[in-house]
């Protein structure tokens, strides 16, 4: 059975051990985990979301400031990425239009570059892993355009039959995790501390996901101008660990 025929809907069951049977999660749930896994090669861990520039500027001196910064990144994701993700997921045929809109909206050259790098990496990875004809055609379409992350995530996740609410959750989770993972590598926070912060953010992430569920491209907004300015200075840093 081909990938298209299966449509990622296969159900599976298994039993084990003396404590009774358990039901293996449906295949689509395992797909969701795979897409959210840090091992999924989309290039996200090469970017700090502006954290490196903010840290070197003295704006993130401690854990409390780091937590505020992570919240700012997720809120900016909610207003600047999720509207495009939503629109592309609902209407994949609008991808080219939404991709161009993303390029016009992202006037910060560092953020613009990061969005294109991660969007193209996502499309290429999905095209290689789930190499059906429609998916490969979309990957080629992305390559011929700007390939911004929000529209690419929306259209490719729709092709993989990932529900929109799950796509939104993966987007928010990845944004927050990316900042905290960068903080560990920069030495701002320890691994345990970063994991605690990520867990503590769960109720807030769920709330912001509900608030952004119905946004579309007409709702694009810049909600973190200071963060945007800090990120724009990334290329002027004397030494850099991340691309953005």
C-alpha atoms as a PDB file:
ATOM      1  CA  UNK A   1       0.000   0.000   0.000  1.00  0.00           C
ATOM      2  CA  UNK A   2       1.424   3.378  -0.998  1.00  0.00           C
ATOM      3  CA  UNK A   3       1.847   6.365   1.272  1.00  0.00           C
ATOM      4  CA  UNK A   4      -0.991   8.177  -0.519  1.00  0.00           C
ATOM      5  CA  UNK A   5      -3.366   5.240  -0.132  1.00  0.00           C
ATOM      6  CA  UNK A   6      -2.604   4.875   3.552  1.00  0.00           C
ATOM      7  CA  UNK A   7      -3.021   8.623   4.139  1.00  0.00           C
ATOM      8  CA  UNK A   8      -1.372   8.185   7.511  1.00  0.00           C
ATOM      9  CA  UNK A   9      -4.539   6.694   8.984  1.00  0.00           C
ATOM     10  CA  UNK A  10      -3.403   3.174   9.847  1.00  0.00           C
ATOM     11  CA  UNK A  11      -4.482   1.945  13.279  1.00  0.00           C
ATOM     12  CA  UNK A  12      -2.412  -0.482  15.310  1.00  0.00           C
ATOM     13  CA  UNK A  13      -2.813  -2.424  18.518  1.00  0.00           C
ATOM     14  CA  UNK A  14      -0.387  -4.338  20.681  1.00  0.00           C
ATOM     15  CA  UNK A  15      -0.310  -6.095  24.042  1.00  0.00           C
ATOM     16  CA  UNK A  16       2.578  -6.571  26.399  1.00  0.00           C
ATOM     17  CA  UNK A  17       3.650  -7.502  29.910  1.00  0.00           C
ATOM     18  CA  UNK A  18       1.844  -8.726  32.951  1.00  0.00           C
ATOM     19  CA  UNK A  19       0.184  -5.383  33.592  1.00  0.00           C
ATOM     20  CA  UNK A  20      -2.280  -5.998  30.800  1.00  0.00           C
ATOM     21  CA  UNK A  21      -2.717  -4.746  27.269  1.00  0.00           C
ATOM     22  CA  UNK A  22      -2.037  -1.321  25.860  1.00  0.00           C
ATOM     23  CA  UNK A  23      -3.154   0.279  22.632  1.00  0.00           C
ATOM     24  CA  UNK A  24      -0.451   1.669  20.389  1.00  0.00           C
ATOM     25  CA  UNK A  25      -1.240   5.224  19.368  1.00  0.00           C
ATOM     26  CA  UNK A  26      -2.766   5.617  15.877  1.00  0.00           C
ATOM     27  CA  UNK A  27      -0.184   6.139  13.187  1.00  0.00           C
ATOM     28  CA  UNK A  28      -1.128   9.763  12.783  1.00  0.00           C
ATOM     29  CA  UNK A  29      -0.160  10.388  16.408  1.00  0.00           C
ATOM     30  CA  UNK A  30       3.250   8.830  15.773  1.00  0.00           C
ATOM     31  CA  UNK A  31       3.559  11.089  12.733  1.00  0.00           C
ATOM     32  CA  UNK A  32       2.866  14.113  14.930  1.00  0.00           C
ATOM     33  CA  UNK A  33       5.586  13.046  17.358  1.00  0.00           C
ATOM     34  CA  UNK A  34       8.010  12.590  14.472  1.00  0.00           C
ATOM     35  CA  UNK A  35       7.325  16.073  13.121  1.00  0.00           C
ATOM     36  CA  UNK A  36       7.820  17.622  16.580  1.00  0.00           C
ATOM     37  CA  UNK A  37      10.938  15.573  17.355  1.00  0.00           C
ATOM     38  CA  UNK A  38      14.171  17.511  17.739  1.00  0.00           C
ATOM     39  CA  UNK A  39      15.786  14.934  15.426  1.00  0.00           C
ATOM     40  CA  UNK A  40      13.538  15.985  12.524  1.00  0.00           C
ATOM     41  CA  UNK A  41      16.025  17.853  10.297  1.00  0.00           C
ATOM     42  CA  UNK A  42      14.473  21.239   9.593  1.00  0.00           C
ATOM     43  CA  UNK A  43      17.435  23.352  10.677  1.00  0.00           C
ATOM     44  CA  UNK A  44      15.636  24.939  13.620  1.00  0.00           C
ATOM     45  CA  UNK A  45      18.477  24.296  16.050  1.00  0.00           C
ATOM     46  CA  UNK A  46      20.830  26.431  13.956  1.00  0.00           C
ATOM     47  CA  UNK A  47      18.757  29.461  14.970  1.00  0.00           C
ATOM     48  CA  UNK A  48      18.280  31.155  18.345  1.00  0.00           C
ATOM     49  CA  UNK A  49      15.276  33.304  17.437  1.00  0.00           C
ATOM     50  CA  UNK A  50      17.259  36.431  18.291  1.00  0.00           C
ATOM     51  CA  UNK A  51      18.304  35.127  21.710  1.00  0.00           C
ATOM     52  CA  UNK A  52      22.027  35.193  20.955  1.00  0.00           C
ATOM     53  CA  UNK A  53      21.936  38.875  20.000  1.00  0.00           C
ATOM     54  CA  UNK A  54      19.726  39.704  22.972  1.00  0.00           C
ATOM     55  CA  UNK A  55      22.067  37.861  25.329  1.00  0.00           C
ATOM     56  CA  UNK A  56      25.198  39.565  23.997  1.00  0.00           C
ATOM     57  CA  UNK A  57      23.400  42.915  24.306  1.00  0.00           C
ATOM     58  CA  UNK A  58      22.775  42.266  27.991  1.00  0.00           C
ATOM     59  CA  UNK A  59      18.995  42.024  27.579  1.00  0.00           C
ATOM     60  CA  UNK A  60      18.775  38.436  28.828  1.00  0.00           C
ATOM     61  CA  UNK A  61      21.029  38.319  31.891  1.00  0.00           C
ATOM     62  CA  UNK A  62      19.197  35.662  33.909  1.00  0.00           C
ATOM     63  CA  UNK A  63      16.542  32.948  33.926  1.00  0.00           C
ATOM     64  CA  UNK A  64      13.658  35.367  34.557  1.00  0.00           C
ATOM     65  CA  UNK A  65      14.641  37.437  31.522  1.00  0.00           C
ATOM     66  CA  UNK A  66      15.021  34.249  29.489  1.00  0.00           C
ATOM     67  CA  UNK A  67      11.493  33.184  30.351  1.00  0.00           C
ATOM     68  CA  UNK A  68      10.145  36.583  29.308  1.00  0.00           C
ATOM     69  CA  UNK A  69      12.127  36.399  26.077  1.00  0.00           C
ATOM     70  CA  UNK A  70      10.751  32.926  25.279  1.00  0.00           C
ATOM     71  CA  UNK A  71       7.218  34.216  25.865  1.00  0.00           C
ATOM     72  CA  UNK A  72       7.906  37.094  23.500  1.00  0.00           C
ATOM     73  CA  UNK A  73       9.122  34.743  20.785  1.00  0.00           C
ATOM     74  CA  UNK A  74       6.043  32.540  21.090  1.00  0.00           C
ATOM     75  CA  UNK A  75       3.721  35.557  21.053  1.00  0.00           C
ATOM     76  CA  UNK A  76       5.484  36.849  17.951  1.00  0.00           C
ATOM     77  CA  UNK A  77       5.103  33.396  16.393  1.00  0.00           C
ATOM     78  CA  UNK A  78       1.387  33.590  17.145  1.00  0.00           C
ATOM     79  CA  UNK A  79       0.983  36.880  15.290  1.00  0.00           C
ATOM     80  CA  UNK A  80       3.555  36.551  12.505  1.00  0.00           C
ATOM     81  CA  UNK A  81       3.765  32.846  11.635  1.00  0.00           C
ATOM     82  CA  UNK A  82       0.545  31.134  12.688  1.00  0.00           C
ATOM     83  CA  UNK A  83      -1.762  33.361  10.568  1.00  0.00           C
ATOM     84  CA  UNK A  84       0.161  32.283   7.456  1.00  0.00           C
ATOM     85  CA  UNK A  85       0.275  28.670   8.625  1.00  0.00           C
ATOM     86  CA  UNK A  86      -3.506  28.715   9.123  1.00  0.00           C
ATOM     87  CA  UNK A  87      -4.221  30.292   5.743  1.00  0.00           C
ATOM     88  CA  UNK A  88      -1.948  27.879   3.850  1.00  0.00           C
ATOM     89  CA  UNK A  89      -3.359  24.857   5.682  1.00  0.00           C
ATOM     90  CA  UNK A  90      -6.946  25.874   4.865  1.00  0.00           C
ATOM     91  CA  UNK A  91      -6.215  26.827   1.244  1.00  0.00           C
ATOM     92  CA  UNK A  92      -3.023  25.167  -0.067  1.00  0.00           C
ATOM     93  CA  UNK A  93      -3.687  26.610  -3.528  1.00  0.00           C
ATOM     94  CA  UNK A  94      -2.868  30.046  -2.061  1.00  0.00           C
ATOM     95  CA  UNK A  95       0.689  29.039  -1.190  1.00  0.00           C
ATOM     96  CA  UNK A  96       2.467  31.302  -3.710  1.00  0.00           C
ATOM     97  CA  UNK A  97       0.420  34.317  -2.636  1.00  0.00           C
ATOM     98  CA  UNK A  98       1.031  33.642   1.064  1.00  0.00           C
ATOM     99  CA  UNK A  99       4.729  33.005   0.501  1.00  0.00           C
ATOM    100  CA  UNK A 100       5.070  36.394  -1.192  1.00  0.00           C
ATOM    101  CA  UNK A 101       3.094  38.030   1.626  1.00  0.00           C
ATOM    102  CA  UNK A 102       5.478  36.533   4.184  1.00  0.00           C
ATOM    103  CA  UNK A 103       8.459  37.928   2.300  1.00  0.00           C
ATOM    104  CA  UNK A 104       6.957  41.428   2.236  1.00  0.00           C
ATOM    105  CA  UNK A 105       5.963  41.235   5.912  1.00  0.00           C
ATOM    106  CA  UNK A 106       9.373  40.101   7.189  1.00  0.00           C
ATOM    107  CA  UNK A 107      11.353  43.323   6.711  1.00  0.00           C
ATOM    108  CA  UNK A 108      13.974  42.245   9.256  1.00  0.00           C
ATOM    109  CA  UNK A 109      16.631  40.627   7.013  1.00  0.00           C
ATOM    110  CA  UNK A 110      17.793  38.205   9.713  1.00  0.00           C
ATOM    111  CA  UNK A 111      14.260  36.994  10.470  1.00  0.00           C
ATOM    112  CA  UNK A 112      13.473  36.850   6.762  1.00  0.00           C
ATOM    113  CA  UNK A 113      16.508  34.699   6.051  1.00  0.00           C
ATOM    114  CA  UNK A 114      15.802  32.388   8.981  1.00  0.00           C
ATOM    115  CA  UNK A 115      12.208  31.920   7.836  1.00  0.00           C
ATOM    116  CA  UNK A 116      13.325  30.994   4.311  1.00  0.00           C
ATOM    117  CA  UNK A 117      16.072  28.649   5.487  1.00  0.00           C
ATOM    118  CA  UNK A 118      13.769  26.756   7.853  1.00  0.00           C
ATOM    119  CA  UNK A 119      10.853  26.687   5.414  1.00  0.00           C
ATOM    120  CA  UNK A 120      12.956  25.267   2.598  1.00  0.00           C
ATOM    121  CA  UNK A 121      14.545  22.725   4.940  1.00  0.00           C
ATOM    122  CA  UNK A 122      11.102  21.599   6.098  1.00  0.00           C
ATOM    123  CA  UNK A 123       9.841  21.196   2.526  1.00  0.00           C
ATOM    124  CA  UNK A 124      12.958  19.324   1.434  1.00  0.00           C
ATOM    125  CA  UNK A 125      12.820  16.970   4.415  1.00  0.00           C
ATOM    126  CA  UNK A 126       9.135  16.169   3.935  1.00  0.00           C
ATOM    127  CA  UNK A 127       9.746  15.676   0.221  1.00  0.00           C
ATOM    128  CA  UNK A 128      12.474  13.124   0.949  1.00  0.00           C
ATOM    129  CA  UNK A 129      10.742  11.269   3.768  1.00  0.00           C
ATOM    130  CA  UNK A 130       7.245  11.117   2.265  1.00  0.00           C
ATOM    131  CA  UNK A 131       8.212  11.081  -1.393  1.00  0.00           C
ATOM    132  CA  UNK A 132       4.799  10.856  -3.033  1.00  0.00           C
ATOM    133  CA  UNK A 133       4.258  12.714  -6.293  1.00  0.00           C
ATOM    134  CA  UNK A 134       2.100  15.529  -4.781  1.00  0.00           C
ATOM    135  CA  UNK A 135       4.526  16.084  -1.897  1.00  0.00           C
ATOM    136  CA  UNK A 136       7.555  16.196  -4.216  1.00  0.00           C
ATOM    137  CA  UNK A 137       5.713  18.607  -6.506  1.00  0.00           C
ATOM    138  CA  UNK A 138       5.040  20.891  -3.550  1.00  0.00           C
ATOM    139  CA  UNK A 139       8.687  20.691  -2.462  1.00  0.00           C
ATOM    140  CA  UNK A 140       9.722  21.798  -5.955  1.00  0.00           C
ATOM    141  CA  UNK A 141       7.170  24.621  -5.804  1.00  0.00           C
ATOM    142  CA  UNK A 142       8.650  25.796  -2.519  1.00  0.00           C
ATOM    143  CA  UNK A 143      12.151  25.695  -4.009  1.00  0.00           C
ATOM    144  CA  UNK A 144      11.068  27.958  -6.856  1.00  0.00           C
ATOM    145  CA  UNK A 145       9.649  30.575  -4.472  1.00  0.00           C
ATOM    146  CA  UNK A 146      10.801  32.179  -1.235  1.00  0.00           C
ATOM    147  CA  UNK A 147       9.888  29.166   0.900  1.00  0.00           C
ATOM    148  CA  UNK A 148       8.921  30.948   4.131  1.00  0.00           C
ATOM    149  CA  UNK A 149       8.371  28.803   7.187  1.00  0.00           C
ATOM    150  CA  UNK A 150       4.743  29.661   8.021  1.00  0.00           C
ATOM    151  CA  UNK A 151       3.189  28.991   4.603  1.00  0.00           C
ATOM    152  CA  UNK A 152       5.419  25.944   4.046  1.00  0.00           C
ATOM    153  CA  UNK A 153       4.425  24.420   7.374  1.00  0.00           C
ATOM    154  CA  UNK A 154       0.759  25.029   6.632  1.00  0.00           C
ATOM    155  CA  UNK A 155       0.721  23.513   3.169  1.00  0.00           C
ATOM    156  CA  UNK A 156       3.007  20.542   3.843  1.00  0.00           C
ATOM    157  CA  UNK A 157       1.274  19.574   7.094  1.00  0.00           C
ATOM    158  CA  UNK A 158      -2.065  19.745   5.277  1.00  0.00           C
ATOM    159  CA  UNK A 159      -0.691  17.339   2.656  1.00  0.00           C
ATOM    160  CA  UNK A 160       0.336  14.958   5.442  1.00  0.00           C
ATOM    161  CA  UNK A 161      -3.207  15.183   6.890  1.00  0.00           C
ATOM    162  CA  UNK A 162      -1.989  16.803  10.081  1.00  0.00           C
ATOM    163  CA  UNK A 163      -5.013  18.591  11.610  1.00  0.00           C
ATOM    164  CA  UNK A 164      -4.688  22.352  11.838  1.00  0.00           C
ATOM    165  CA  UNK A 165      -4.833  22.449  15.634  1.00  0.00           C
ATOM    166  CA  UNK A 166      -1.988  19.930  15.829  1.00  0.00           C
ATOM    167  CA  UNK A 167       0.047  21.923  13.296  1.00  0.00           C
ATOM    168  CA  UNK A 168      -0.421  25.019  15.459  1.00  0.00           C
ATOM    169  CA  UNK A 169       0.671  23.166  18.587  1.00  0.00           C
ATOM    170  CA  UNK A 170       3.813  21.863  16.847  1.00  0.00           C
ATOM    171  CA  UNK A 171       4.592  25.393  15.670  1.00  0.00           C
ATOM    172  CA  UNK A 172       4.277  26.895  19.161  1.00  0.00           C
ATOM    173  CA  UNK A 173       6.106  24.025  20.817  1.00  0.00           C
ATOM    174  CA  UNK A 174       8.998  24.269  18.352  1.00  0.00           C
ATOM    175  CA  UNK A 175       9.284  28.037  18.816  1.00  0.00           C
ATOM    176  CA  UNK A 176       9.509  27.799  22.594  1.00  0.00           C
ATOM    177  CA  UNK A 177      11.759  24.750  22.574  1.00  0.00           C
ATOM    178  CA  UNK A 178      14.113  26.352  20.063  1.00  0.00           C
ATOM    179  CA  UNK A 179      14.740  29.373  22.276  1.00  0.00           C
ATOM    180  CA  UNK A 180      15.269  27.276  25.406  1.00  0.00           C
ATOM    181  CA  UNK A 181      17.560  24.844  23.588  1.00  0.00           C
ATOM    182  CA  UNK A 182      19.620  27.801  22.363  1.00  0.00           C
ATOM    183  CA  UNK A 183      19.750  29.132  25.930  1.00  0.00           C
ATOM    184  CA  UNK A 184      21.311  25.872  27.117  1.00  0.00           C
ATOM    185  CA  UNK A 185      24.007  25.997  24.444  1.00  0.00           C
ATOM    186  CA  UNK A 186      24.726  29.649  25.211  1.00  0.00           C
ATOM    187  CA  UNK A 187      25.063  28.851  28.908  1.00  0.00           C
ATOM    188  CA  UNK A 188      22.163  31.074  29.982  1.00  0.00           C
ATOM    189  CA  UNK A 189      20.302  28.164  31.597  1.00  0.00           C
ATOM    190  CA  UNK A 190      21.039  24.572  32.489  1.00  0.00           C
ATOM    191  CA  UNK A 191      19.321  21.630  30.845  1.00  0.00           C
ATOM    192  CA  UNK A 192      17.088  20.903  33.848  1.00  0.00           C
ATOM    193  CA  UNK A 193      16.149  24.537  34.276  1.00  0.00           C
ATOM    194  CA  UNK A 194      15.240  24.865  30.599  1.00  0.00           C
ATOM    195  CA  UNK A 195      13.088  21.749  30.773  1.00  0.00           C
ATOM    196  CA  UNK A 196      11.288  23.107  33.832  1.00  0.00           C
ATOM    197  CA  UNK A 197      10.607  26.369  31.991  1.00  0.00           C
ATOM    198  CA  UNK A 198       9.274  24.474  29.013  1.00  0.00           C
ATOM    199  CA  UNK A 199       6.929  22.439  31.211  1.00  0.00           C
ATOM    200  CA  UNK A 200       5.760  25.527  33.110  1.00  0.00           C
ATOM    201  CA  UNK A 201       4.828  27.160  29.793  1.00  0.00           C
ATOM    202  CA  UNK A 202       2.330  24.413  28.910  1.00  0.00           C
ATOM    203  CA  UNK A 203      -0.876  26.114  30.194  1.00  0.00           C
ATOM    204  CA  UNK A 204       0.145  29.393  28.606  1.00  0.00           C
ATOM    205  CA  UNK A 205       0.936  27.710  25.272  1.00  0.00           C
ATOM    206  CA  UNK A 206      -2.460  26.013  25.302  1.00  0.00           C
ATOM    207  CA  UNK A 207      -4.191  29.325  25.954  1.00  0.00           C
ATOM    208  CA  UNK A 208      -2.382  31.204  23.199  1.00  0.00           C
ATOM    209  CA  UNK A 209      -3.054  28.335  20.785  1.00  0.00           C
ATOM    210  CA  UNK A 210      -6.785  28.647  21.476  1.00  0.00           C
ATOM    211  CA  UNK A 211      -6.661  32.413  20.977  1.00  0.00           C
ATOM    212  CA  UNK A 212      -4.900  32.046  17.609  1.00  0.00           C
ATOM    213  CA  UNK A 213      -6.928  29.143  16.264  1.00  0.00           C
ATOM    214  CA  UNK A 214      -8.959  31.248  13.836  1.00  0.00           C
ATOM    215  CA  UNK A 215      -6.355  33.783  12.709  1.00  0.00           C
ATOM    216  CA  UNK A 216      -5.643  34.191   9.009  1.00  0.00           C
ATOM    217  CA  UNK A 217      -3.287  36.172   6.796  1.00  0.00           C
ATOM    218  CA  UNK A 218      -5.295  39.365   7.358  1.00  0.00           C
ATOM    219  CA  UNK A 219      -4.298  39.193  11.040  1.00  0.00           C
ATOM    220  CA  UNK A 220      -0.527  39.411  10.513  1.00  0.00           C
ATOM    221  CA  UNK A 221       1.069  41.704  13.071  1.00  0.00           C
ATOM    222  CA  UNK A 222       4.387  42.608  14.692  1.00  0.00           C
ATOM    223  CA  UNK A 223       3.895  42.264  18.455  1.00  0.00           C
ATOM    224  CA  UNK A 224       7.521  42.252  19.635  1.00  0.00           C
ATOM    225  CA  UNK A 225       9.346  45.188  17.994  1.00  0.00           C
ATOM    226  CA  UNK A 226      12.187  45.230  20.535  1.00  0.00           C
ATOM    227  CA  UNK A 227      12.810  41.531  19.987  1.00  0.00           C
ATOM    228  CA  UNK A 228      12.776  42.168  16.240  1.00  0.00           C
ATOM    229  CA  UNK A 229      15.358  44.953  16.601  1.00  0.00           C
ATOM    230  CA  UNK A 230      17.609  42.754  18.714  1.00  0.00           C
ATOM    231  CA  UNK A 231      17.413  39.921  16.206  1.00  0.00           C
ATOM    232  CA  UNK A 232      18.206  42.324  13.361  1.00  0.00           C
ATOM    233  CA  UNK A 233      21.563  42.992  15.028  1.00  0.00           C
ATOM    234  CA  UNK A 234      22.587  39.343  14.911  1.00  0.00           C
ATOM    235  CA  UNK A 235      24.758  39.696  11.802  1.00  0.00           C
ATOM    236  CA  UNK A 236      26.774  42.467  13.483  1.00  0.00           C
ATOM    237  CA  UNK A 237      27.848  40.326  16.438  1.00  0.00           C
ATOM    238  CA  UNK A 238      31.599  39.835  16.684  1.00  0.00           C
ATOM    239  CA  UNK A 239      31.195  36.085  17.267  1.00  0.00           C
ATOM    240  CA  UNK A 240      28.122  33.955  16.561  1.00  0.00           C
ATOM    241  CA  UNK A 241      27.089  30.426  17.430  1.00  0.00           C
ATOM    242  CA  UNK A 242      23.748  30.552  15.582  1.00  0.00           C
ATOM    243  CA  UNK A 243      22.555  31.718  12.186  1.00  0.00           C
ATOM    244  CA  UNK A 244      19.919  33.988  13.701  1.00  0.00           C
END
